[in-house]
Every structure is written in C-alpha cells, then in structure tokens.
C-alpha atoms as a PDB file:
ATOM      1  CA  UNK A   1      34.147 -30.882  26.202  1.00  0.00           C
ATOM      2  CA  UNK A   2      36.329 -28.400  24.364  1.00  0.00           C
ATOM      3  CA  UNK A   3      35.138 -24.930  23.392  1.00  0.00           C
ATOM      4  CA  UNK A   4      34.656 -23.501  19.899  1.00  0.00           C
ATOM      5  CA  UNK A   5      34.444 -19.774  19.038  1.00  0.00           C
ATOM      6  CA  UNK A   6      31.294 -18.587  17.280  1.00  0.00           C
ATOM      7  CA  UNK A   7      32.823 -16.316  14.691  1.00  0.00           C
ATOM      8  CA  UNK A   8      34.166 -13.086  16.099  1.00  0.00           C
ATOM      9  CA  UNK A   9      31.271 -12.647  18.494  1.00  0.00           C
ATOM     10  CA  UNK A  10      33.317 -13.377  21.610  1.00  0.00           C
ATOM     11  CA  UNK A  11      30.919 -16.248  22.385  1.00  0.00           C
ATOM     12  CA  UNK A  12      32.275 -19.755  22.798  1.00  0.00           C
ATOM     13  CA  UNK A  13      30.206 -22.920  22.771  1.00  0.00           C
ATOM     14  CA  UNK A  14      30.821 -26.590  23.252  1.00  0.00           C
ATOM     15  CA  UNK A  15      32.203 -28.464  20.241  1.00  0.00           C
ATOM     16  CA  UNK A  16      29.007 -30.539  20.166  1.00  0.00           C
ATOM     17  CA  UNK A  17      25.697 -28.745  20.677  1.00  0.00           C
ATOM     18  CA  UNK A  18      22.111 -29.886  21.173  1.00  0.00           C
ATOM     19  CA  UNK A  19      19.265 -29.556  18.702  1.00  0.00           C
ATOM     20  CA  UNK A  20      16.028 -29.296  20.669  1.00  0.00           C
ATOM     21  CA  UNK A  21      13.433 -29.634  17.880  1.00  0.00           C
ATOM     22  CA  UNK A  22      12.711 -33.310  18.542  1.00  0.00           C
ATOM     23  CA  UNK A  23      11.774 -32.627  22.138  1.00  0.00           C
ATOM     24  CA  UNK A  24       8.594 -30.919  20.958  1.00  0.00           C
ATOM     25  CA  UNK A  25       7.967 -31.768  17.312  1.00  0.00           C
ATOM     26  CA  UNK A  26       8.518 -34.001  14.265  1.00  0.00           C
ATOM     27  CA  UNK A  27       9.546 -37.302  15.834  1.00  0.00           C
ATOM     28  CA  UNK A  28       6.543 -38.785  17.607  1.00  0.00           C
ATOM     29  CA  UNK A  29       5.002 -38.287  21.076  1.00  0.00           C
ATOM     30  CA  UNK A  30       6.771 -35.816  23.345  1.00  0.00           C
ATOM     31  CA  UNK A  31       7.876 -36.320  26.941  1.00  0.00           C
ATOM     32  CA  UNK A  32       8.553 -32.973  28.598  1.00  0.00           C
ATOM     33  CA  UNK A  33       9.702 -34.529  31.884  1.00  0.00           C
ATOM     34  CA  UNK A  34      12.237 -36.710  30.090  1.00  0.00           C
ATOM     35  CA  UNK A  35      13.376 -33.798  27.950  1.00  0.00           C
ATOM     36  CA  UNK A  36      13.958 -31.641  31.016  1.00  0.00           C
ATOM     37  CA  UNK A  37      16.150 -34.379  32.461  1.00  0.00           C
ATOM     38  CA  UNK A  38      18.105 -34.489  29.202  1.00  0.00           C
ATOM     39  CA  UNK A  39      18.593 -30.726  29.301  1.00  0.00           C
ATOM     40  CA  UNK A  40      19.918 -31.021  32.841  1.00  0.00           C
ATOM     41  CA  UNK A  41      22.326 -33.733  31.757  1.00  0.00           C
ATOM     42  CA  UNK A  42      23.460 -31.606  28.808  1.00  0.00           C
ATOM     43  CA  UNK A  43      24.360 -28.751  31.130  1.00  0.00           C
ATOM     44  CA  UNK A  44      26.204 -31.140  33.446  1.00  0.00           C
ATOM     45  CA  UNK A  45      28.236 -32.493  30.508  1.00  0.00           C
ATOM     46  CA  UNK A  46      29.104 -29.017  29.235  1.00  0.00           C
ATOM     47  CA  UNK A  47      26.992 -29.328  26.070  1.00  0.00           C
ATOM     48  CA  UNK A  48      26.227 -25.618  26.040  1.00  0.00           C
ATOM     49  CA  UNK A  49      24.897 -24.603  22.594  1.00  0.00           C
ATOM     50  CA  UNK A  50      21.137 -25.282  22.629  1.00  0.00           C
ATOM     51  CA  UNK A  51      19.224 -24.656  19.435  1.00  0.00           C
ATOM     52  CA  UNK A  52      15.481 -24.035  19.171  1.00  0.00           C
ATOM     53  CA  UNK A  53      13.085 -21.925  17.054  1.00  0.00           C
ATOM     54  CA  UNK A  54       9.850 -20.058  17.596  1.00  0.00           C
ATOM     55  CA  UNK A  55       7.927 -22.494  15.358  1.00  0.00           C
ATOM     56  CA  UNK A  56       9.124 -25.713  17.007  1.00  0.00           C
ATOM     57  CA  UNK A  57       6.028 -27.224  18.564  1.00  0.00           C
ATOM     58  CA  UNK A  58       4.225 -23.913  17.875  1.00  0.00           C
ATOM     59  CA  UNK A  59       6.274 -22.255  20.626  1.00  0.00           C
ATOM     60  CA  UNK A  60       6.249 -25.263  22.954  1.00  0.00           C
ATOM     61  CA  UNK A  61       9.958 -25.908  22.522  1.00  0.00           C
ATOM     62  CA  UNK A  62      10.927 -22.405  23.611  1.00  0.00           C
ATOM     63  CA  UNK A  63       8.569 -22.704  26.588  1.00  0.00           C
ATOM     64  CA  UNK A  64      10.180 -26.031  27.509  1.00  0.00           C
ATOM     65  CA  UNK A  65      13.620 -24.428  27.587  1.00  0.00           C
ATOM     66  CA  UNK A  66      12.146 -21.566  29.579  1.00  0.00           C
ATOM     67  CA  UNK A  67      11.007 -24.031  32.234  1.00  0.00           C
ATOM     68  CA  UNK A  68      14.555 -25.335  32.521  1.00  0.00           C
ATOM     69  CA  UNK A  69      16.059 -21.826  32.629  1.00  0.00           C
ATOM     70  CA  UNK A  70      13.775 -21.027  35.566  1.00  0.00           C
ATOM     71  CA  UNK A  71      15.937 -23.401  37.606  1.00  0.00           C
ATOM     72  CA  UNK A  72      18.739 -20.836  37.695  1.00  0.00           C
ATOM     73  CA  UNK A  73      21.367 -22.144  35.249  1.00  0.00           C
ATOM     74  CA  UNK A  74      20.586 -19.900  32.271  1.00  0.00           C
ATOM     75  CA  UNK A  75      24.067 -18.319  32.267  1.00  0.00           C
ATOM     76  CA  UNK A  76      25.682 -21.698  31.549  1.00  0.00           C
ATOM     77  CA  UNK A  77      23.950 -22.008  28.176  1.00  0.00           C
ATOM     78  CA  UNK A  78      24.548 -20.434  24.766  1.00  0.00           C
ATOM     79  CA  UNK A  79      20.930 -20.064  23.701  1.00  0.00           C
ATOM     80  CA  UNK A  80      20.179 -20.057  19.986  1.00  0.00           C
ATOM     81  CA  UNK A  81      16.712 -19.538  18.581  1.00  0.00           C
ATOM     82  CA  UNK A  82      15.336 -18.719  15.150  1.00  0.00           C
ATOM     83  CA  UNK A  83      12.580 -16.606  13.651  1.00  0.00           C
ATOM     84  CA  UNK A  84      10.884 -16.193  10.295  1.00  0.00           C
ATOM     85  CA  UNK A  85       8.820 -19.358   9.990  1.00  0.00           C
ATOM     86  CA  UNK A  86       5.039 -19.017  10.090  1.00  0.00           C
ATOM     87  CA  UNK A  87       2.351 -21.260  11.575  1.00  0.00           C
ATOM     88  CA  UNK A  88      -1.113 -22.044  10.231  1.00  0.00           C
ATOM     89  CA  UNK A  89      -4.338 -21.920  12.268  1.00  0.00           C
ATOM     90  CA  UNK A  90      -3.620 -25.406  13.608  1.00  0.00           C
ATOM     91  CA  UNK A  91      -0.157 -24.500  14.844  1.00  0.00           C
ATOM     92  CA  UNK A  92       1.667 -26.348  12.059  1.00  0.00           C
ATOM     93  CA  UNK A  93       4.687 -24.844  10.349  1.00  0.00           C
ATOM     94  CA  UNK A  94       3.915 -23.609   6.856  1.00  0.00           C
ATOM     95  CA  UNK A  95       6.120 -22.710   3.916  1.00  0.00           C
ATOM     96  CA  UNK A  96       5.425 -19.021   4.500  1.00  0.00           C
ATOM     97  CA  UNK A  97       8.130 -16.834   6.030  1.00  0.00           C
ATOM     98  CA  UNK A  98       8.531 -13.237   7.178  1.00  0.00           C
ATOM     99  CA  UNK A  99      11.692 -11.191   7.313  1.00  0.00           C
ATOM    100  CA  UNK A 100      10.509  -7.599   7.070  1.00  0.00           C
ATOM    101  CA  UNK A 101      11.999  -5.064   9.466  1.00  0.00           C
ATOM    102  CA  UNK A 102       8.718  -4.521  11.330  1.00  0.00           C
ATOM    103  CA  UNK A 103       8.352  -8.220  12.087  1.00  0.00           C
ATOM    104  CA  UNK A 104      11.860  -8.933  13.422  1.00  0.00           C
ATOM    105  CA  UNK A 105      11.587  -7.184  16.843  1.00  0.00           C
ATOM    106  CA  UNK A 106       8.086  -8.593  17.420  1.00  0.00           C
ATOM    107  CA  UNK A 107       9.343 -12.118  16.802  1.00  0.00           C
ATOM    108  CA  UNK A 108      12.262 -11.590  19.179  1.00  0.00           C
ATOM    109  CA  UNK A 109      10.024 -10.215  21.939  1.00  0.00           C
ATOM    110  CA  UNK A 110       7.700 -13.213  21.644  1.00  0.00           C
ATOM    111  CA  UNK A 111      10.628 -15.633  21.865  1.00  0.00           C
ATOM    112  CA  UNK A 112      12.043 -13.859  24.914  1.00  0.00           C
ATOM    113  CA  UNK A 113       8.682 -14.211  26.688  1.00  0.00           C
ATOM    114  CA  UNK A 114       8.404 -17.903  25.937  1.00  0.00           C
ATOM    115  CA  UNK A 115      12.023 -18.540  26.935  1.00  0.00           C
ATOM    116  CA  UNK A 116      11.705 -16.542  30.144  1.00  0.00           C
ATOM    117  CA  UNK A 117      14.982 -14.725  29.558  1.00  0.00           C
ATOM    118  CA  UNK A 118      16.171 -11.205  28.821  1.00  0.00           C
ATOM    119  CA  UNK A 119      18.576 -12.098  26.014  1.00  0.00           C
ATOM    120  CA  UNK A 120      19.135 -14.428  23.100  1.00  0.00           C
ATOM    121  CA  UNK A 121      22.772 -15.363  22.663  1.00  0.00           C
ATOM    122  CA  UNK A 122      22.558 -16.319  18.986  1.00  0.00           C
ATOM    123  CA  UNK A 123      19.569 -15.170  16.937  1.00  0.00           C
ATOM    124  CA  UNK A 124      19.102 -16.907  13.589  1.00  0.00           C
ATOM    125  CA  UNK A 125      17.065 -15.945  10.570  1.00  0.00           C
ATOM    126  CA  UNK A 126      15.399 -19.323   9.998  1.00  0.00           C
ATOM    127  CA  UNK A 127      14.932 -18.953   6.242  1.00  0.00           C
ATOM    128  CA  UNK A 128      15.219 -15.787   4.158  1.00  0.00           C
ATOM    129  CA  UNK A 129      12.007 -14.136   3.037  1.00  0.00           C
ATOM    130  CA  UNK A 130      12.156 -14.120  -0.782  1.00  0.00           C
ATOM    131  CA  UNK A 131      10.063 -10.924  -0.810  1.00  0.00           C
ATOM    132  CA  UNK A 132      12.498  -8.987   1.406  1.00  0.00           C
ATOM    133  CA  UNK A 133      16.102  -7.996   0.758  1.00  0.00           C
ATOM    134  CA  UNK A 134      18.238  -9.828   3.292  1.00  0.00           C
ATOM    135  CA  UNK A 135      19.942  -6.519   4.093  1.00  0.00           C
ATOM    136  CA  UNK A 136      16.637  -5.255   5.505  1.00  0.00           C
ATOM    137  CA  UNK A 137      16.210  -8.329   7.701  1.00  0.00           C
ATOM    138  CA  UNK A 138      19.772  -8.300   9.004  1.00  0.00           C
ATOM    139  CA  UNK A 139      19.609  -4.564   9.579  1.00  0.00           C
ATOM    140  CA  UNK A 140      16.621  -5.088  11.859  1.00  0.00           C
ATOM    141  CA  UNK A 141      18.407  -7.945  13.616  1.00  0.00           C
ATOM    142  CA  UNK A 142      21.419  -5.676  14.157  1.00  0.00           C
ATOM    143  CA  UNK A 143      19.187  -3.233  16.017  1.00  0.00           C
ATOM    144  CA  UNK A 144      18.435  -6.020  18.519  1.00  0.00           C
ATOM    145  CA  UNK A 145      22.173  -6.387  19.139  1.00  0.00           C
ATOM    146  CA  UNK A 146      22.451  -2.642  19.681  1.00  0.00           C
ATOM    147  CA  UNK A 147      19.540  -2.832  22.142  1.00  0.00           C
ATOM    148  CA  UNK A 148      21.220  -5.642  24.114  1.00  0.00           C
ATOM    149  CA  UNK A 149      18.486  -8.260  23.698  1.00  0.00           C
ATOM    150  CA  UNK A 150      20.581 -10.282  21.224  1.00  0.00           C
ATOM    151  CA  UNK A 151      24.320 -10.944  21.540  1.00  0.00           C
ATOM    152  CA  UNK A 152      25.169 -12.260  18.056  1.00  0.00           C
ATOM    153  CA  UNK A 153      23.509 -12.954  14.720  1.00  0.00           C
ATOM    154  CA  UNK A 154      23.157 -16.101  12.659  1.00  0.00           C
ATOM    155  CA  UNK A 155      21.671 -17.212   9.356  1.00  0.00           C
ATOM    156  CA  UNK A 156      20.056 -20.502   8.395  1.00  0.00           C
ATOM    157  CA  UNK A 157      19.177 -22.066   5.045  1.00  0.00           C
ATOM    158  CA  UNK A 158      21.011 -19.418   3.032  1.00  0.00           C
ATOM    159  CA  UNK A 159      23.156 -19.158  -0.076  1.00  0.00           C
ATOM    160  CA  UNK A 160      26.764 -18.030  -0.265  1.00  0.00           C
ATOM    161  CA  UNK A 161      25.615 -14.745  -1.815  1.00  0.00           C
ATOM    162  CA  UNK A 162      23.205 -14.133   1.060  1.00  0.00           C
ATOM    163  CA  UNK A 163      25.957 -14.791   3.597  1.00  0.00           C
ATOM    164  CA  UNK A 164      28.181 -12.218   1.934  1.00  0.00           C
ATOM    165  CA  UNK A 165      25.369  -9.668   1.685  1.00  0.00           C
ATOM    166  CA  UNK A 166      24.413 -10.138   5.330  1.00  0.00           C
ATOM    167  CA  UNK A 167      28.012  -9.928   6.530  1.00  0.00           C
ATOM    168  CA  UNK A 168      28.260  -6.557   4.810  1.00  0.00           C
ATOM    169  CA  UNK A 169      25.524  -5.258   7.128  1.00  0.00           C
ATOM    170  CA  UNK A 170      26.564  -6.847  10.442  1.00  0.00           C
ATOM    171  CA  UNK A 171      29.047  -9.550  11.533  1.00  0.00           C
ATOM    172  CA  UNK A 172      27.552 -13.030  11.247  1.00  0.00           C
ATOM    173  CA  UNK A 173      28.640 -15.354  14.040  1.00  0.00           C
ATOM    174  CA  UNK A 174      27.232 -18.611  12.692  1.00  0.00           C
ATOM    175  CA  UNK A 175      25.459 -20.157   9.736  1.00  0.00           C
ATOM    176  CA  UNK A 176      23.155 -23.114  10.350  1.00  0.00           C
ATOM    177  CA  UNK A 177      22.735 -25.541   7.440  1.00  0.00           C
ATOM    178  CA  UNK A 178      22.118 -29.215   6.851  1.00  0.00           C
ATOM    179  CA  UNK A 179      25.492 -30.921   6.698  1.00  0.00           C
ATOM    180  CA  UNK A 180      26.445 -34.494   7.395  1.00  0.00           C
ATOM    181  CA  UNK A 181      28.624 -37.273   6.085  1.00  0.00           C
ATOM    182  CA  UNK A 182      25.726 -38.177   3.762  1.00  0.00           C
ATOM    183  CA  UNK A 183      24.600 -34.620   2.832  1.00  0.00           C
ATOM    184  CA  UNK A 184      27.431 -32.414   1.624  1.00  0.00           C
ATOM    185  CA  UNK A 185      25.851 -29.905  -0.723  1.00  0.00           C
ATOM    186  CA  UNK A 186      27.036 -26.859   1.248  1.00  0.00           C
ATOM    187  CA  UNK A 187      30.725 -27.627   0.805  1.00  0.00           C
ATOM    188  CA  UNK A 188      31.078 -26.125  -2.674  1.00  0.00           C
ATOM    189  CA  UNK A 189      30.094 -22.535  -1.922  1.00  0.00           C
ATOM    190  CA  UNK A 190      28.399 -22.027   1.452  1.00  0.00           C
ATOM    191  CA  UNK A 191      31.194 -23.293   3.695  1.00  0.00           C
ATOM    192  CA  UNK A 192      33.846 -21.217   1.871  1.00  0.00           C
ATOM    193  CA  UNK A 193      31.564 -18.170   2.244  1.00  0.00           C
ATOM    194  CA  UNK A 194      31.372 -18.849   5.976  1.00  0.00           C
ATOM    195  CA  UNK A 195      35.163 -18.992   6.157  1.00  0.00           C
ATOM    196  CA  UNK A 196      35.337 -15.702   4.248  1.00  0.00           C
ATOM    197  CA  UNK A 197      32.816 -14.074   6.620  1.00  0.00           C
ATOM    198  CA  UNK A 198      34.489 -15.472   9.736  1.00  0.00           C
ATOM    199  CA  UNK A 199      31.336 -17.380  10.690  1.00  0.00           C
ATOM    200  CA  UNK A 200      31.092 -20.745  12.394  1.00  0.00           C
ATOM    201  CA  UNK A 201      29.075 -23.497  10.717  1.00  0.00           C
ATOM    202  CA  UNK A 202      26.348 -25.133  12.812  1.00  0.00           C
ATOM    203  CA  UNK A 203      25.284 -28.332  11.019  1.00  0.00           C
ATOM    204  CA  UNK A 204      21.714 -29.449  11.619  1.00  0.00           C
ATOM    205  CA  UNK A 205      20.650 -33.048  10.961  1.00  0.00           C
ATOM    206  CA  UNK A 206      24.315 -34.045  11.406  1.00  0.00           C
ATOM    207  CA  UNK A 207      23.204 -37.652  11.897  1.00  0.00           C
ATOM    208  CA  UNK A 208      20.927 -37.700   8.866  1.00  0.00           C
ATOM    209  CA  UNK A 209      17.721 -37.747  10.971  1.00  0.00           C
ATOM    210  CA  UNK A 210      19.017 -40.815  12.786  1.00  0.00           C
ATOM    211  CA  UNK A 211      20.167 -42.778   9.736  1.00  0.00           C
ATOM    212  CA  UNK A 212      23.831 -42.388  10.623  1.00  0.00           C
ATOM    213  CA  UNK A 213      23.244 -43.809  14.087  1.00  0.00           C
ATOM    214  CA  UNK A 214      22.312 -47.140  12.519  1.00  0.00           C
ATOM    215  CA  UNK A 215      19.158 -47.198  14.630  1.00  0.00           C
ATOM    216  CA  UNK A 216      16.772 -45.782  12.011  1.00  0.00           C
ATOM    217  CA  UNK A 217      17.324 -46.994   8.460  1.00  0.00           C
ATOM    218  CA  UNK A 218      13.616 -47.135   7.544  1.00  0.00           C
ATOM    219  CA  UNK A 219      10.390 -45.506   8.711  1.00  0.00           C
ATOM    220  CA  UNK A 220       8.878 -48.903   9.452  1.00  0.00           C
ATOM    221  CA  UNK A 221       7.737 -49.087  13.079  1.00  0.00           C
ATOM    222  CA  UNK A 222       7.998 -45.363  13.729  1.00  0.00           C
ATOM    223  CA  UNK A 223       5.061 -43.452  15.214  1.00  0.00           C
ATOM    224  CA  UNK A 224       2.548 -42.283  12.620  1.00  0.00           C
ATOM    225  CA  UNK A 225       3.376 -38.643  13.416  1.00  0.00           C
ATOM    226  CA  UNK A 226       7.104 -39.121  12.711  1.00  0.00           C
ATOM    227  CA  UNK A 227       8.220 -36.918   9.819  1.00  0.00           C
ATOM    228  CA  UNK A 228      10.450 -39.666   8.466  1.00  0.00           C
ATOM    229  CA  UNK A 229       7.406 -41.365   6.945  1.00  0.00           C
ATOM    230  CA  UNK A 230       7.412 -38.524   4.388  1.00  0.00           C
ATOM    231  CA  UNK A 231      11.159 -38.604   3.679  1.00  0.00           C
ATOM    232  CA  UNK A 232      12.244 -40.682   0.652  1.00  0.00           C
ATOM    233  CA  UNK A 233      15.544 -41.744   2.210  1.00  0.00           C
ATOM    234  CA  UNK A 234      13.611 -43.834   4.741  1.00  0.00           C
ATOM    235  CA  UNK A 235      11.546 -45.721   2.135  1.00  0.00           C
ATOM    236  CA  UNK A 236      12.051 -49.483   2.261  1.00  0.00           C
ATOM    237  CA  UNK A 237      13.764 -49.586  -1.145  1.00  0.00           C
ATOM    238  CA  UNK A 238      16.231 -46.835  -0.260  1.00  0.00           C
ATOM    239  CA  UNK A 239      16.836 -48.346   3.171  1.00  0.00           C
ATOM    240  CA  UNK A 240      18.122 -51.531   1.564  1.00  0.00           C
ATOM    241  CA  UNK A 241      20.499 -49.541  -0.657  1.00  0.00           C
ATOM    242  CA  UNK A 242      21.755 -47.392   2.226  1.00  0.00           C
ATOM    243  CA  UNK A 243      22.310 -50.185   4.762  1.00  0.00           C
ATOM    244  CA  UNK A 244      25.842 -51.050   3.487  1.00  0.00           C
ATOM    245  CA  UNK A 245      26.841 -47.383   3.762  1.00  0.00           C
ATOM    246  CA  UNK A 246      25.707 -47.212   7.381  1.00  0.00           C
ATOM    247  CA  UNK A 247      27.555 -50.484   8.014  1.00  0.00           C
ATOM    248  CA  UNK A 248      30.760 -48.954   6.607  1.00  0.00           C
ATOM    249  CA  UNK A 249      30.481 -46.101   9.113  1.00  0.00           C
ATOM    250  CA  UNK A 250      29.874 -48.614  11.899  1.00  0.00           C
ATOM    251  CA  UNK A 251      32.995 -50.581  10.911  1.00  0.00           C
ATOM    252  CA  UNK A 252      35.173 -47.501  11.312  1.00  0.00           C
ATOM    253  CA  UNK A 253      33.545 -46.818  14.666  1.00  0.00           C
ATOM    254  CA  UNK A 254      34.230 -50.359  15.840  1.00  0.00           C
ATOM    255  CA  UNK A 255      37.927 -49.913  15.078  1.00  0.00           C
ATOM    256  CA  UNK A 256      37.963 -46.947  17.469  1.00  0.00           C
ATOM    257  CA  UNK A 257      35.627 -48.391  20.098  1.00  0.00           C
ATOM    258  CA  UNK A 258      33.097 -45.770  19.000  1.00  0.00           C
ATOM    259  CA  UNK A 259      29.543 -45.752  17.678  1.00  0.00           C
ATOM    260  CA  UNK A 260      28.455 -44.815  14.134  1.00  0.00           C
ATOM    261  CA  UNK A 261      26.958 -41.578  15.462  1.00  0.00           C
ATOM    262  CA  UNK A 262      30.256 -40.624  17.054  1.00  0.00           C
ATOM    263  CA  UNK A 263      32.069 -41.278  13.777  1.00  0.00           C
ATOM    264  CA  UNK A 264      29.594 -39.083  11.880  1.00  0.00           C
ATOM    265  CA  UNK A 265      30.004 -36.217  14.350  1.00  0.00           C
ATOM    266  CA  UNK A 266      33.794 -36.584  14.532  1.00  0.00           C
ATOM    267  CA  UNK A 267      33.854 -36.447  10.714  1.00  0.00           C
ATOM    268  CA  UNK A 268      32.143 -33.050  10.827  1.00  0.00           C
ATOM    269  CA  UNK A 269      34.631 -31.761  13.383  1.00  0.00           C
ATOM    270  CA  UNK A 270      37.477 -32.745  11.036  1.00  0.00           C
ATOM    271  CA  UNK A 271      35.779 -30.820   8.215  1.00  0.00           C
ATOM    272  CA  UNK A 272      36.231 -27.706  10.308  1.00  0.00           C
ATOM    273  CA  UNK A 273      39.974 -28.220  10.006  1.00  0.00           C
ATOM    274  CA  UNK A 274      39.694 -28.897   6.287  1.00  0.00           C
ATOM    275  CA  UNK A 275      37.770 -25.709   5.519  1.00  0.00           C
ATOM    276  CA  UNK A 276      39.229 -23.481   8.215  1.00  0.00           C
ATOM    277  CA  UNK A 277      35.933 -22.786   9.974  1.00  0.00           C
ATOM    278  CA  UNK A 278      34.669 -23.567  13.475  1.00  0.00           C
ATOM    279  CA  UNK A 279      32.066 -26.369  13.243  1.00  0.00           C
ATOM    280  CA  UNK A 280      29.503 -27.095  15.977  1.00  0.00           C
ATOM    281  CA  UNK A 281      27.118 -29.945  15.067  1.00  0.00           C
ATOM    282  CA  UNK A 282      23.755 -29.894  16.854  1.00  0.00           C
ATOM    283  CA  UNK A 283      22.471 -33.483  16.969  1.00  0.00           C
ATOM    284  CA  UNK A 284      19.010 -33.780  18.464  1.00  0.00           C
ATOM    285  CA  UNK A 285      18.302 -36.025  21.407  1.00  0.00           C
ATOM    286  CA  UNK A 286      15.444 -36.555  23.828  1.00  0.00           C
ATOM    287  CA  UNK A 287      17.252 -39.179  25.898  1.00  0.00           C
ATOM    288  CA  UNK A 288      20.221 -38.647  28.186  1.00  0.00           C
ATOM    289  CA  UNK A 289      21.955 -41.825  27.017  1.00  0.00           C
ATOM    290  CA  UNK A 290      21.934 -40.674  23.394  1.00  0.00           C
ATOM    291  CA  UNK A 291      23.098 -37.215  24.465  1.00  0.00           C
ATOM    292  CA  UNK A 292      26.048 -38.735  26.314  1.00  0.00           C
ATOM    293  CA  UNK A 293      26.945 -40.800  23.244  1.00  0.00           C
ATOM    294  CA  UNK A 294      26.885 -37.735  21.012  1.00  0.00           C
ATOM    295  CA  UNK A 295      28.944 -35.679  23.443  1.00  0.00           C
ATOM    296  CA  UNK A 296      31.589 -38.401  23.397  1.00  0.00           C
ATOM    297  CA  UNK A 297      32.294 -37.640  19.749  1.00  0.00           C
ATOM    298  CA  UNK A 298      34.290 -34.567  20.811  1.00  0.00           C
ATOM    299  CA  UNK A 299      37.065 -36.887  22.017  1.00  0.00           C
ATOM    300  CA  UNK A 300      37.233 -39.003  18.849  1.00  0.00           C
ATOM    301  CA  UNK A 301      39.795 -38.043  16.212  1.00  0.00           C
ATOM    302  CA  UNK A 302      39.471 -39.862  12.922  1.00  0.00           C
ATOM    303  CA  UNK A 303      42.622 -40.738  10.997  1.00  0.00           C
ATOM    304  CA  UNK A 304      43.364 -39.658   7.458  1.00  0.00           C
ATOM    305  CA  UNK A 305      42.726 -43.277   6.414  1.00  0.00           C
ATOM    306  CA  UNK A 306      39.300 -43.112   8.057  1.00  0.00           C
ATOM    307  CA  UNK A 307      38.480 -39.911   6.193  1.00  0.00           C
ATOM    308  CA  UNK A 308      39.555 -41.444   2.898  1.00  0.00           C
ATOM    309  CA  UNK A 309      37.321 -44.460   3.494  1.00  0.00           C
ATOM    310  CA  UNK A 310      34.346 -42.260   4.349  1.00  0.00           C
ATOM    311  CA  UNK A 311      34.829 -39.802   1.485  1.00  0.00           C
ATOM    312  CA  UNK A 312      32.920 -41.669  -1.259  1.00  0.00           C
ATOM    313  CA  UNK A 313      29.882 -42.613   0.816  1.00  0.00           C
ATOM    314  CA  UNK A 314      27.883 -39.408   0.262  1.00  0.00           C
ATOM    315  CA  UNK A 315      27.731 -39.995  -3.476  1.00  0.00           C
ATOM    316  CA  UNK A 316      26.135 -43.391  -2.944  1.00  0.00           C
ATOM    317  CA  UNK A 317      23.251 -42.421  -0.632  1.00  0.00           C
ATOM    318  CA  UNK A 318      19.798 -43.180  -2.023  1.00  0.00           C
ATOM    319  CA  UNK A 319      16.829 -40.872  -1.497  1.00  0.00           C
ATOM    320  CA  UNK A 320      16.381 -37.239  -0.500  1.00  0.00           C
ATOM    321  CA  UNK A 321      16.575 -36.298   3.178  1.00  0.00           C
ATOM    322  CA  UNK A 322      13.561 -33.968   3.155  1.00  0.00           C
ATOM    323  CA  UNK A 323       9.932 -34.335   2.085  1.00  0.00           C
ATOM    324  CA  UNK A 324       9.220 -33.490  -1.565  1.00  0.00           C
ATOM    325  CA  UNK A 325       8.319 -29.831  -2.191  1.00  0.00           C
ATOM    326  CA  UNK A 326       5.804 -28.526  -4.741  1.00  0.00           C
ATOM    327  CA  UNK A 327       7.744 -27.178  -7.753  1.00  0.00           C
ATOM    328  CA  UNK A 328       6.516 -23.609  -7.247  1.00  0.00           C
ATOM    329  CA  UNK A 329       7.720 -23.613  -3.629  1.00  0.00           C
ATOM    330  CA  UNK A 330      11.102 -25.095  -4.554  1.00  0.00           C
ATOM    331  CA  UNK A 331      11.537 -22.418  -7.201  1.00  0.00           C
ATOM    332  CA  UNK A 332      10.470 -19.611  -4.849  1.00  0.00           C
ATOM    333  CA  UNK A 333      13.068 -20.513  -2.237  1.00  0.00           C
ATOM    334  CA  UNK A 334      15.753 -21.701  -4.636  1.00  0.00           C
ATOM    335  CA  UNK A 335      15.477 -25.290  -3.428  1.00  0.00           C
ATOM    336  CA  UNK A 336      15.103 -27.012  -6.774  1.00  0.00           C
END
C-alpha cells in the first residue's frame, strides 16, 4: 500500500482508506466483533486512514474504534473524525448543525473521550453551520491544533468558496466530499479549489453506496433499516436503467483481472493525477474480504483507453444518490 500526503500537514496515509460509518449505522444490523476483526485486518494491510464522526451510531462508532485502539496499535492509524452534526432525543442524526466557536472544543473533547485517545490526526467540520461564518469555525479548530489535541484540519460538504475562506484562516489538509465514477459534481469547482489550497481530496461513497461493486443495484432484499430504501438510485426502475452501466465497469475490471469496485477506486486514484491533488478514497466495509478487495485497488492502474470508456457513464446514471430533502432544508444548506 503506497502512501499519500494529506496536504502540507506532514501526515501521510494509505492510498485507500476506510470509512467506518457502516460498522455502526445506516446499513442494517451491526456486528461489533466482526467490525473489530476488520479493523485489525485493515491495520495489517496498511490501510491507515480511518474515518468516523461523532454522530455515527450516536457515538457508537467512535467508541468502537476506541476499543480497537485500546489494543495498543493507535500510532499506526491516521484517525479522522468529524463534528458539527446534531442528534435528536432518539440518537438519530438530524439536519441541524453547530459550528460556533464555543461548541468546537466541546465536540472535540467528547470525541477524544469516546475514542480513548489524546489526539485526533485529522479533524473535519462535518457540514458548515449556515448561521456561523466558516472563519469562526475554522479559527476555533485552529486553536485545537495549537493546543496539540488535533494535528491537521479538514472540511466536509463544502463549496469552493468555503474552502478558500477556510484556507485563509488555517491550512486545510483534506476536503471530504462525495465523489465517484457515477457522482462527479465536485470536479467543476471544488476539486480545483482543493488543488489551489494544497488539500487532499477524501472521497466518501466512492463505490456509490455499493452500486459500483455490482452487489447492490436495488434495495430489494436489504434489511428494513438500510438507508438505501430511501435513496432513489436504488429504486427498481432506476436499477434496471443503471445495470448496463455497472456491467460496463465490470467488463473493464474483467480485462484486468479486477473487480468492479477495484476499477471504481482505481478511477478515483487516476483523477488525482488529472487534477493534481492527492486523492484518498474511503470505501466502507464491515467484512475483511471486502476490505482486502478494496485495498487491492491501489495496485491497479487503468489505461487511457479504460478512462475514455468510463468517462461518459456518469451522465447516464439514473436517480439521486441521497434521500430527498425538504426544499427549505436544501435551500438552507445550498443543496438544491
């Protein structure tokens, strides 16, 4: 597993990271014992960037990682967590966020307790608070770096303008956004802003919530609690329209002796070369076998002919890859 620099922070991570959300939330029943085994396997394989957030599983995901860190291998991992999201009285993530200066250190302290560690390697603002100037939030985050509890700063779900504003306050090591072969909206302005700021791009949902693996083209048969039941892209009608696109990815994989997931991740790594930014995808996995498959993408180099064949697929994908938002919420967060 080769290493990738996270901006100018001096931190290097594996070229393929690990998104830990699914170990505690969103995708059906959890299995902590199995997840701990997967974390152990990730460390053994050199998959070192682990991404979590304080709201994942209402704190359960950070506590899960804390259990693994208690085994003594914390220093091998580049730990990324996020703050800003809010939970309701039932422990479910809401569409409310906080980014005021008073809240930032309290959120960090709570995460450190759950994680059982004295530092966060990469601390992300999960989503900007529309009621707070991002300069205020990043200024408070910068104080955590000065105090030594955070090593580097990141942003998630931001605009190009917000990246530039934040970078004017403190260096930004990484920007975490949805980016995949099928979802390419950040390429027009956000990725160039990352290159300008010297920040790495950390794509979440790099496999399209499993669609690009070929294993999950529809929500049929998934556990009732699986979030994909609420996502239009996994409706039966859209699944039929998207199946040929997934098959096209699989055909390229077959030519390389690789899986569709490996093609999708290798495509993202090539985009780093195209845009001149470090790219570290963070596919989620609860099973060691899937983790090993994803890690194998770091050794796959797609040809220019492969890239040309894949280029038009994004424009043909049917259905949004997130649940519908009320219009007032979409307008508030600029997600229309």
